[in-house]
Amino acid sequence: MSSSDSKKEEFRKYLERSGVIDNLTKVLIALYEEPEKPANAIEFIRRFLTTPSGIDVDALVAENEELKKRVEELSMEIDRLQQMQQAQEELDG
């Protein structure tokens, strides 16, 4: 076995021991089994590999969008109340 072959084999064993091969296999299977293939496969893989198991990323994204809308609504309410307060102060003043 040449030095190059032994280095490749050593690297392959390292990837196996560290779980890289298993995780890559899992992500590729998940991508294969995805009924609607994502437009950006790299983003799918990145999300799959960086998300702890048991976390529903899509649910978190939806919740984030809802919270952004709520913040906007509350900001508008604050503005409205401040205008009402200012108008009341002008009447009282």
PDB file of N, CA and C in Angstrom:
ATOM      1  N   MET A   1       0.854  -1.182   0.000  1.00  0.00           N
ATOM      2  CA  MET A   1       0.000   0.000   0.000  1.00  0.00           C
ATOM      3  C   MET A   1       0.896   1.241   0.000  1.00  0.00           C
ATOM      4  N   SER A   2       0.639   2.174  -0.883  1.00  0.00           N
ATOM      5  CA  SER A   2       1.471   3.374  -0.983  1.00  0.00           C
ATOM      6  C   SER A   2       1.133   4.340   0.149  1.00  0.00           C
ATOM      7  N   SER A   3       2.008   5.312   0.321  1.00  0.00           N
ATOM      8  CA  SER A   3       1.819   6.329   1.364  1.00  0.00           C
ATOM      9  C   SER A   3       0.525   7.098   1.143  1.00  0.00           C
ATOM     10  N   SER A   4       0.243   7.385  -0.119  1.00  0.00           N
ATOM     11  CA  SER A   4      -0.974   8.118  -0.459  1.00  0.00           C
ATOM     12  C   SER A   4      -2.217   7.302  -0.103  1.00  0.00           C
ATOM     13  N   ASP A   5      -2.177   6.004  -0.447  1.00  0.00           N
ATOM     14  CA  ASP A   5      -3.312   5.139  -0.125  1.00  0.00           C
ATOM     15  C   ASP A   5      -3.493   5.004   1.378  1.00  0.00           C
ATOM     16  N   SER A   6      -2.413   4.905   2.103  1.00  0.00           N
ATOM     17  CA  SER A   6      -2.509   4.750   3.555  1.00  0.00           C
ATOM     18  C   SER A   6      -3.043   6.029   4.196  1.00  0.00           C
ATOM     19  N   LYS A   7      -2.677   7.190   3.655  1.00  0.00           N
ATOM     20  CA  LYS A   7      -3.208   8.456   4.165  1.00  0.00           C
ATOM     21  C   LYS A   7      -4.709   8.553   3.909  1.00  0.00           C
ATOM     22  N   LYS A   8      -5.133   8.123   2.721  1.00  0.00           N
ATOM     23  CA  LYS A   8      -6.561   8.137   2.388  1.00  0.00           C
ATOM     24  C   LYS A   8      -7.335   7.214   3.317  1.00  0.00           C
ATOM     25  N   GLU A   9      -6.789   6.027   3.551  1.00  0.00           N
ATOM     26  CA  GLU A   9      -7.446   5.061   4.427  1.00  0.00           C
ATOM     27  C   GLU A   9      -7.504   5.592   5.863  1.00  0.00           C
ATOM     28  N   GLU A  10      -6.435   6.202   6.306  1.00  0.00           N
ATOM     29  CA  GLU A  10      -6.394   6.788   7.646  1.00  0.00           C
ATOM     30  C   GLU A  10      -7.444   7.904   7.774  1.00  0.00           C
ATOM     31  N   PHE A  11      -7.559   8.717   6.751  1.00  0.00           N
ATOM     32  CA  PHE A  11      -8.542   9.802   6.758  1.00  0.00           C
ATOM     33  C   PHE A  11      -9.961   9.237   6.756  1.00  0.00           C
ATOM     34  N   ARG A  12     -10.194   8.192   5.951  1.00  0.00           N
ATOM     35  CA  ARG A  12     -11.512   7.563   5.903  1.00  0.00           C
ATOM     36  C   ARG A  12     -11.893   7.015   7.280  1.00  0.00           C
ATOM     37  N   LYS A  13     -10.957   6.391   7.955  1.00  0.00           N
ATOM     38  CA  LYS A  13     -11.213   5.857   9.302  1.00  0.00           C
ATOM     39  C   LYS A  13     -11.507   6.995  10.282  1.00  0.00           C
ATOM     40  N   TYR A  14     -10.782   8.076  10.148  1.00  0.00           N
ATOM     41  CA  TYR A  14     -11.021   9.251  10.987  1.00  0.00           C
ATOM     42  C   TYR A  14     -12.453   9.763  10.788  1.00  0.00           C
ATOM     43  N   LEU A  15     -12.885   9.887   9.531  1.00  0.00           N
ATOM     44  CA  LEU A  15     -14.242  10.354   9.236  1.00  0.00           C
ATOM     45  C   LEU A  15     -15.278   9.396   9.808  1.00  0.00           C
ATOM     46  N   GLU A  16     -14.993   8.118   9.743  1.00  0.00           N
ATOM     47  CA  GLU A  16     -15.907   7.121  10.289  1.00  0.00           C
ATOM     48  C   GLU A  16     -15.990   7.232  11.810  1.00  0.00           C
ATOM     49  N   ARG A  17     -14.847   7.304  12.468  1.00  0.00           N
ATOM     50  CA  ARG A  17     -14.804   7.385  13.941  1.00  0.00           C
ATOM     51  C   ARG A  17     -15.495   8.641  14.455  1.00  0.00           C
ATOM     52  N   SER A  18     -15.326   9.729  13.746  1.00  0.00           N
ATOM     53  CA  SER A  18     -15.874  11.004  14.219  1.00  0.00           C
ATOM     54  C   SER A  18     -17.349  11.182  13.869  1.00  0.00           C
ATOM     55  N   GLY A  19     -17.944  10.242  13.146  1.00  0.00           N
ATOM     56  CA  GLY A  19     -19.363  10.303  12.841  1.00  0.00           C
ATOM     57  C   GLY A  19     -19.715  11.109  11.605  1.00  0.00           C
ATOM     58  N   VAL A  20     -18.714  11.584  10.898  1.00  0.00           N
ATOM     59  CA  VAL A  20     -18.967  12.404   9.715  1.00  0.00           C
ATOM     60  C   VAL A  20     -19.694  11.599   8.639  1.00  0.00           C
ATOM     61  N   ILE A  21     -19.244  10.398   8.397  1.00  0.00           N
ATOM     62  CA  ILE A  21     -19.856   9.582   7.348  1.00  0.00           C
ATOM     63  C   ILE A  21     -21.309   9.284   7.686  1.00  0.00           C
ATOM     64  N   ASP A  22     -21.585   8.944   8.949  1.00  0.00           N
ATOM     65  CA  ASP A  22     -22.977   8.674   9.353  1.00  0.00           C
ATOM     66  C   ASP A  22     -23.866   9.902   9.170  1.00  0.00           C
ATOM     67  N   ASN A  23     -23.367  11.065   9.591  1.00  0.00           N
ATOM     68  CA  ASN A  23     -24.169  12.283   9.473  1.00  0.00           C
ATOM     69  C   ASN A  23     -24.390  12.681   8.014  1.00  0.00           C
ATOM     70  N   LEU A  24     -23.367  12.549   7.193  1.00  0.00           N
ATOM     71  CA  LEU A  24     -23.548  12.855   5.767  1.00  0.00           C
ATOM     72  C   LEU A  24     -24.533  11.887   5.124  1.00  0.00           C
ATOM     73  N   THR A  25     -24.449  10.630   5.515  1.00  0.00           N
ATOM     74  CA  THR A  25     -25.390   9.646   4.988  1.00  0.00           C
ATOM     75  C   THR A  25     -26.818  10.002   5.386  1.00  0.00           C
ATOM     76  N   LYS A  26     -27.008  10.370   6.656  1.00  0.00           N
ATOM     77  CA  LYS A  26     -28.346  10.737   7.140  1.00  0.00           C
ATOM     78  C   LYS A  26     -28.902  11.953   6.396  1.00  0.00           C
ATOM     79  N   VAL A  27     -28.073  12.964   6.198  1.00  0.00           N
ATOM     80  CA  VAL A  27     -28.567  14.168   5.532  1.00  0.00           C
ATOM     81  C   VAL A  27     -28.895  13.881   4.068  1.00  0.00           C
ATOM     82  N   LEU A  28     -28.097  13.066   3.418  1.00  0.00           N
ATOM     83  CA  LEU A  28     -28.381  12.729   2.025  1.00  0.00           C
ATOM     84  C   LEU A  28     -29.647  11.882   1.909  1.00  0.00           C
ATOM     85  N   ILE A  29     -29.870  10.998   2.856  1.00  0.00           N
ATOM     86  CA  ILE A  29     -31.102  10.206   2.864  1.00  0.00           C
ATOM     87  C   ILE A  29     -32.298  11.122   3.102  1.00  0.00           C
ATOM     88  N   ALA A  30     -32.164  12.059   4.055  1.00  0.00           N
ATOM     89  CA  ALA A  30     -33.261  12.999   4.327  1.00  0.00           C
ATOM     90  C   ALA A  30     -33.575  13.827   3.088  1.00  0.00           C
ATOM     91  N   LEU A  31     -32.556  14.264   2.390  1.00  0.00           N
ATOM     92  CA  LEU A  31     -32.762  15.038   1.163  1.00  0.00           C
ATOM     93  C   LEU A  31     -33.436  14.182   0.095  1.00  0.00           C
ATOM     94  N   TYR A  32     -33.004  12.944  -0.022  1.00  0.00           N
ATOM     95  CA  TYR A  32     -33.590  12.019  -1.002  1.00  0.00           C
ATOM     96  C   TYR A  32     -35.072  11.768  -0.694  1.00  0.00           C
ATOM     97  N   GLU A  33     -35.399  11.638   0.605  1.00  0.00           N
ATOM     98  CA  GLU A  33     -36.763  11.316   1.018  1.00  0.00           C
ATOM     99  C   GLU A  33     -37.667  12.547   1.095  1.00  0.00           C
ATOM    100  N   GLU A  34     -37.097  13.723   0.947  1.00  0.00           N
ATOM    101  CA  GLU A  34     -37.889  14.955   0.993  1.00  0.00           C
ATOM    102  C   GLU A  34     -38.857  14.955  -0.189  1.00  0.00           C
ATOM    103  N   PRO A  35     -40.183  15.010   0.092  1.00  0.00           N
ATOM    104  CA  PRO A  35     -41.149  14.946  -1.010  1.00  0.00           C
ATOM    105  C   PRO A  35     -41.030  16.129  -1.972  1.00  0.00           C
ATOM    106  N   GLU A  36     -40.826  17.306  -1.430  1.00  0.00           N
ATOM    107  CA  GLU A  36     -40.630  18.490  -2.278  1.00  0.00           C
ATOM    108  C   GLU A  36     -39.178  18.911  -2.134  1.00  0.00           C
ATOM    109  N   LYS A  37     -38.415  18.643  -3.160  1.00  0.00           N
ATOM    110  CA  LYS A  37     -36.984  18.953  -3.105  1.00  0.00           C
ATOM    111  C   LYS A  37     -36.778  20.450  -2.913  1.00  0.00           C
ATOM    112  N   PRO A  38     -35.917  20.827  -1.965  1.00  0.00           N
ATOM    113  CA  PRO A  38     -35.666  22.251  -1.735  1.00  0.00           C
ATOM    114  C   PRO A  38     -34.943  22.883  -2.917  1.00  0.00           C
ATOM    115  N   ALA A  39     -35.212  24.155  -3.130  1.00  0.00           N
ATOM    116  CA  ALA A  39     -34.549  24.887  -4.213  1.00  0.00           C
ATOM    117  C   ALA A  39     -33.054  24.992  -3.955  1.00  0.00           C
ATOM    118  N   ASN A  40     -32.684  25.073  -2.680  1.00  0.00           N
ATOM    119  CA  ASN A  40     -31.277  25.226  -2.309  1.00  0.00           C
ATOM    120  C   ASN A  40     -30.856  24.017  -1.467  1.00  0.00           C
ATOM    121  N   ALA A  41     -30.282  23.025  -2.110  1.00  0.00           N
ATOM    122  CA  ALA A  41     -29.884  21.799  -1.412  1.00  0.00           C
ATOM    123  C   ALA A  41     -28.806  22.068  -0.364  1.00  0.00           C
ATOM    124  N   ILE A  42     -27.913  22.985  -0.649  1.00  0.00           N
ATOM    125  CA  ILE A  42     -26.846  23.312   0.310  1.00  0.00           C
ATOM    126  C   ILE A  42     -27.448  23.873   1.600  1.00  0.00           C
ATOM    127  N   GLU A  43     -28.428  24.743   1.476  1.00  0.00           N
ATOM    128  CA  GLU A  43     -29.095  25.307   2.655  1.00  0.00           C
ATOM    129  C   GLU A  43     -29.805  24.210   3.437  1.00  0.00           C
ATOM    130  N   PHE A  44     -30.437  23.274   2.741  1.00  0.00           N
ATOM    131  CA  PHE A  44     -31.085  22.141   3.391  1.00  0.00           C
ATOM    132  C   PHE A  44     -30.059  21.360   4.197  1.00  0.00           C
ATOM    133  N   ILE A  45     -28.926  21.058   3.591  1.00  0.00           N
ATOM    134  CA  ILE A  45     -27.876  20.290   4.267  1.00  0.00           C
ATOM    135  C   ILE A  45     -27.336  21.064   5.457  1.00  0.00           C
ATOM    136  N   ARG A  46     -27.091  22.352   5.273  1.00  0.00           N
ATOM    137  CA  ARG A  46     -26.589  23.189   6.358  1.00  0.00           C
ATOM    138  C   ARG A  46     -27.572  23.182   7.527  1.00  0.00           C
ATOM    139  N   ARG A  47     -28.845  23.372   7.210  1.00  0.00           N
ATOM    140  CA  ARG A  47     -29.875  23.394   8.261  1.00  0.00           C
ATOM    141  C   ARG A  47     -29.953  22.043   8.955  1.00  0.00           C
ATOM    142  N   PHE A  48     -29.918  20.967   8.194  1.00  0.00           N
ATOM    143  CA  PHE A  48     -30.007  19.621   8.750  1.00  0.00           C
ATOM    144  C   PHE A  48     -28.835  19.350   9.685  1.00  0.00           C
ATOM    145  N   LEU A  49     -27.645  19.744   9.282  1.00  0.00           N
ATOM    146  CA  LEU A  49     -26.452  19.443  10.069  1.00  0.00           C
ATOM    147  C   LEU A  49     -26.300  20.349  11.289  1.00  0.00           C
ATOM    148  N   THR A  50     -26.871  21.539  11.244  1.00  0.00           N
ATOM    149  CA  THR A  50     -26.672  22.472  12.362  1.00  0.00           C
ATOM    150  C   THR A  50     -27.832  22.502  13.338  1.00  0.00           C
ATOM    151  N   THR A  51     -28.917  21.823  13.027  1.00  0.00           N
ATOM    152  CA  THR A  51     -30.075  21.833  13.898  1.00  0.00           C
ATOM    153  C   THR A  51     -30.038  20.631  14.826  1.00  0.00           C
ATOM    154  N   PRO A  52     -30.110  20.887  16.138  1.00  0.00           N
ATOM    155  CA  PRO A  52     -30.179  19.748  17.057  1.00  0.00           C
ATOM    156  C   PRO A  52     -31.442  18.937  16.769  1.00  0.00           C
ATOM    157  N   SER A  53     -31.364  17.652  16.968  1.00  0.00           N
ATOM    158  CA  SER A  53     -32.542  16.826  16.694  1.00  0.00           C
ATOM    159  C   SER A  53     -33.671  17.217  17.640  1.00  0.00           C
ATOM    160  N   GLY A  54     -34.876  17.086  17.149  1.00  0.00           N
ATOM    161  CA  GLY A  54     -36.038  17.436  17.951  1.00  0.00           C
ATOM    162  C   GLY A  54     -36.471  18.882  17.788  1.00  0.00           C
ATOM    163  N   ILE A  55     -35.733  19.668  17.022  1.00  0.00           N
ATOM    164  CA  ILE A  55     -36.082  21.067  16.793  1.00  0.00           C
ATOM    165  C   ILE A  55     -36.750  21.182  15.428  1.00  0.00           C
ATOM    166  N   ASP A  56     -37.928  21.799  15.403  1.00  0.00           N
ATOM    167  CA  ASP A  56     -38.650  22.004  14.150  1.00  0.00           C
ATOM    168  C   ASP A  56     -38.321  23.409  13.636  1.00  0.00           C
ATOM    169  N   VAL A  57     -37.382  23.488  12.731  1.00  0.00           N
ATOM    170  CA  VAL A  57     -36.914  24.776  12.220  1.00  0.00           C
ATOM    171  C   VAL A  57     -38.042  25.535  11.529  1.00  0.00           C
ATOM    172  N   ASP A  58     -38.855  24.833  10.756  1.00  0.00           N
ATOM    173  CA  ASP A  58     -39.953  25.506  10.052  1.00  0.00           C
ATOM    174  C   ASP A  58     -40.926  26.142  11.037  1.00  0.00           C
ATOM    175  N   ALA A  59     -41.192  25.447  12.142  1.00  0.00           N
ATOM    176  CA  ALA A  59     -42.080  26.005  13.172  1.00  0.00           C
ATOM    177  C   ALA A  59     -41.445  27.237  13.805  1.00  0.00           C
ATOM    178  N   LEU A  60     -40.142  27.201  14.025  1.00  0.00           N
ATOM    179  CA  LEU A  60     -39.455  28.358  14.599  1.00  0.00           C
ATOM    180  C   LEU A  60     -39.479  29.542  13.644  1.00  0.00           C
ATOM    181  N   VAL A  61     -39.315  29.294  12.365  1.00  0.00           N
ATOM    182  CA  VAL A  61     -39.358  30.366  11.373  1.00  0.00           C
ATOM    183  C   VAL A  61     -40.749  30.986  11.343  1.00  0.00           C
ATOM    184  N   ALA A  62     -41.785  30.140  11.371  1.00  0.00           N
ATOM    185  CA  ALA A  62     -43.166  30.643  11.370  1.00  0.00           C
ATOM    186  C   ALA A  62     -43.438  31.453  12.633  1.00  0.00           C
ATOM    187  N   GLU A  63     -42.982  30.957  13.765  1.00  0.00           N
ATOM    188  CA  GLU A  63     -43.172  31.680  15.024  1.00  0.00           C
ATOM    189  C   GLU A  63     -42.445  33.027  14.986  1.00  0.00           C
ATOM    190  N   ASN A  64     -41.259  33.038  14.433  1.00  0.00           N
ATOM    191  CA  ASN A  64     -40.494  34.274  14.319  1.00  0.00           C
ATOM    192  C   ASN A  64     -41.243  35.304  13.480  1.00  0.00           C
ATOM    193  N   GLU A  65     -41.818  34.857  12.366  1.00  0.00           N
ATOM    194  CA  GLU A  65     -42.591  35.762  11.510  1.00  0.00           C
ATOM    195  C   GLU A  65     -43.799  36.323  12.258  1.00  0.00           C
ATOM    196  N   GLU A  66     -44.493  35.471  13.013  1.00  0.00           N
ATOM    197  CA  GLU A  66     -45.645  35.920  13.795  1.00  0.00           C
ATOM    198  C   GLU A  66     -45.216  36.952  14.842  1.00  0.00           C
ATOM    199  N   LEU A  67     -44.089  36.695  15.485  1.00  0.00           N
ATOM    200  CA  LEU A  67     -43.600  37.619  16.509  1.00  0.00           C
ATOM    201  C   LEU A  67     -43.183  38.956  15.907  1.00  0.00           C
ATOM    202  N   LYS A  68     -42.611  38.927  14.711  1.00  0.00           N
ATOM    203  CA  LYS A  68     -42.260  40.180  14.033  1.00  0.00           C
ATOM    204  C   LYS A  68     -43.516  41.002  13.752  1.00  0.00           C
ATOM    205  N   LYS A  69     -44.574  40.330  13.305  1.00  0.00           N
ATOM    206  CA  LYS A  69     -45.838  41.027  13.047  1.00  0.00           C
ATOM    207  C   LYS A  69     -46.393  41.616  14.338  1.00  0.00           C
ATOM    208  N   ARG A  70     -46.299  40.849  15.409  1.00  0.00           N
ATOM    209  CA  ARG A  70     -46.815  41.320  16.706  1.00  0.00           C
ATOM    210  C   ARG A  70     -46.026  42.535  17.195  1.00  0.00           C
ATOM    211  N   VAL A  71     -44.718  42.517  17.010  1.00  0.00           N
ATOM    212  CA  VAL A  71     -43.889  43.659  17.397  1.00  0.00           C
ATOM    213  C   VAL A  71     -44.319  44.897  16.615  1.00  0.00           C
ATOM    214  N   GLU A  72     -44.558  44.718  15.328  1.00  0.00           N
ATOM    215  CA  GLU A  72     -45.000  45.842  14.493  1.00  0.00           C
ATOM    216  C   GLU A  72     -46.348  46.377  14.982  1.00  0.00           C
ATOM    217  N   GLU A  73     -47.280  45.474  15.286  1.00  0.00           N
ATOM    218  CA  GLU A  73     -48.589  45.887  15.799  1.00  0.00           C
ATOM    219  C   GLU A  73     -48.447  46.666  17.112  1.00  0.00           C
ATOM    220  N   LEU A  74     -47.611  46.155  17.997  1.00  0.00           N
ATOM    221  CA  LEU A  74     -47.421  46.812  19.291  1.00  0.00           C
ATOM    222  C   LEU A  74     -46.727  48.160  19.142  1.00  0.00           C
ATOM    223  N   SER A  75     -45.799  48.249  18.203  1.00  0.00           N
ATOM    224  CA  SER A  75     -45.134  49.530  17.946  1.00  0.00           C
ATOM    225  C   SER A  75     -46.140  50.563  17.456  1.00  0.00           C
ATOM    226  N   MET A  76     -47.046  50.128  16.583  1.00  0.00           N
ATOM    227  CA  MET A  76     -48.077  51.035  16.085  1.00  0.00           C
ATOM    228  C   MET A  76     -49.013  51.450  17.234  1.00  0.00           C
ATOM    229  N   GLU A  77     -49.334  50.538  18.109  1.00  0.00           N
ATOM    230  CA  GLU A  77     -50.187  50.842  19.267  1.00  0.00           C
ATOM    231  C   GLU A  77     -49.505  51.850  20.200  1.00  0.00           C
ATOM    232  N   ILE A  78     -48.214  51.677  20.405  1.00  0.00           N
ATOM    233  CA  ILE A  78     -47.460  52.623  21.236  1.00  0.00           C
ATOM    234  C   ILE A  78     -47.507  54.011  20.611  1.00  0.00           C
ATOM    235  N   ASP A  79     -47.275  54.088  19.306  1.00  0.00           N
ATOM    236  CA  ASP A  79     -47.332  55.380  18.617  1.00  0.00           C
ATOM    237  C   ASP A  79     -48.702  56.024  18.782  1.00  0.00           C
ATOM    238  N   ARG A  80     -49.757  55.224  18.608  1.00  0.00           N
ATOM    239  CA  ARG A  80     -51.127  55.743  18.734  1.00  0.00           C
ATOM    240  C   ARG A  80     -51.380  56.256  20.147  1.00  0.00           C
ATOM    241  N   LEU A  81     -50.955  55.517  21.145  1.00  0.00           N
ATOM    242  CA  LEU A  81     -51.168  55.930  22.535  1.00  0.00           C
ATOM    243  C   LEU A  81     -50.360  57.185  22.880  1.00  0.00           C
ATOM    244  N   GLN A  82     -49.151  57.267  22.339  1.00  0.00           N
ATOM    245  CA  GLN A  82     -48.345  58.459  22.583  1.00  0.00           C
ATOM    246  C   GLN A  82     -48.991  59.692  21.954  1.00  0.00           C
ATOM    247  N   GLN A  83     -49.576  59.520  20.767  1.00  0.00           N
ATOM    248  CA  GLN A  83     -50.278  60.635  20.116  1.00  0.00           C
ATOM    249  C   GLN A  83     -51.492  61.049  20.934  1.00  0.00           C
ATOM    250  N   MET A  84     -52.218  60.068  21.465  1.00  0.00           N
ATOM    251  CA  MET A  84     -53.383  60.367  22.296  1.00  0.00           C
ATOM    252  C   MET A  84     -52.956  61.109  23.566  1.00  0.00           C
ATOM    253  N   GLN A  85     -51.858  60.663  24.167  1.00  0.00           N
ATOM    254  CA  GLN A  85     -51.359  61.306  25.381  1.00  0.00           C
ATOM    255  C   GLN A  85     -50.939  62.734  25.090  1.00  0.00           C
ATOM    256  N   GLN A  86     -50.248  62.925  23.983  1.00  0.00           N
ATOM    257  CA  GLN A  86     -49.800  64.271  23.607  1.00  0.00           C
ATOM    258  C   GLN A  86     -51.018  65.182  23.364  1.00  0.00           C
ATOM    259  N   ALA A  87     -52.028  64.668  22.687  1.00  0.00           N
ATOM    260  CA  ALA A  87     -53.236  65.463  22.435  1.00  0.00           C
ATOM    261  C   ALA A  87     -53.946  65.811  23.746  1.00  0.00           C
ATOM    262  N   GLN A  88     -53.983  64.859  24.662  1.00  0.00           N
ATOM    263  CA  GLN A  88     -54.626  65.106  25.958  1.00  0.00           C
ATOM    264  C   GLN A  88     -53.847  66.147  26.741  1.00  0.00           C
ATOM    265  N   GLU A  89     -52.531  66.092  26.703  1.00  0.00           N
ATOM    266  CA  GLU A  89     -51.690  67.065  27.409  1.00  0.00           C
ATOM    267  C   GLU A  89     -51.899  68.482  26.828  1.00  0.00           C
ATOM    268  N   GLU A  90     -52.058  68.547  25.496  1.00  0.00           N
ATOM    269  CA  GLU A  90     -52.300  69.846  24.863  1.00  0.00           C
ATOM    270  C   GLU A  90     -53.648  70.412  25.290  1.00  0.00           C
ATOM    271  N   LEU A  91     -54.652  69.543  25.430  1.00  0.00           N
ATOM    272  CA  LEU A  91     -55.968  69.993  25.895  1.00  0.00           C
ATOM    273  C   LEU A  91     -55.932  70.440  27.347  1.00  0.00           C
ATOM    274  N   ASP A  92     -55.175  69.725  28.144  1.00  0.00           N
ATOM    275  CA  ASP A  92     -55.072  70.037  29.569  1.00  0.00           C
ATOM    276  C   ASP A  92     -54.164  71.241  29.820  1.00  0.00           C
ATOM    277  N   GLY A  93     -53.206  71.447  28.943  1.00  0.00           N
ATOM    278  CA  GLY A  93     -52.153  72.414  29.158  1.00  0.00           C
ATOM    279  C   GLY A  93     -52.512  73.788  28.886  1.00  0.00           C
TER     280      GLY A  93
END
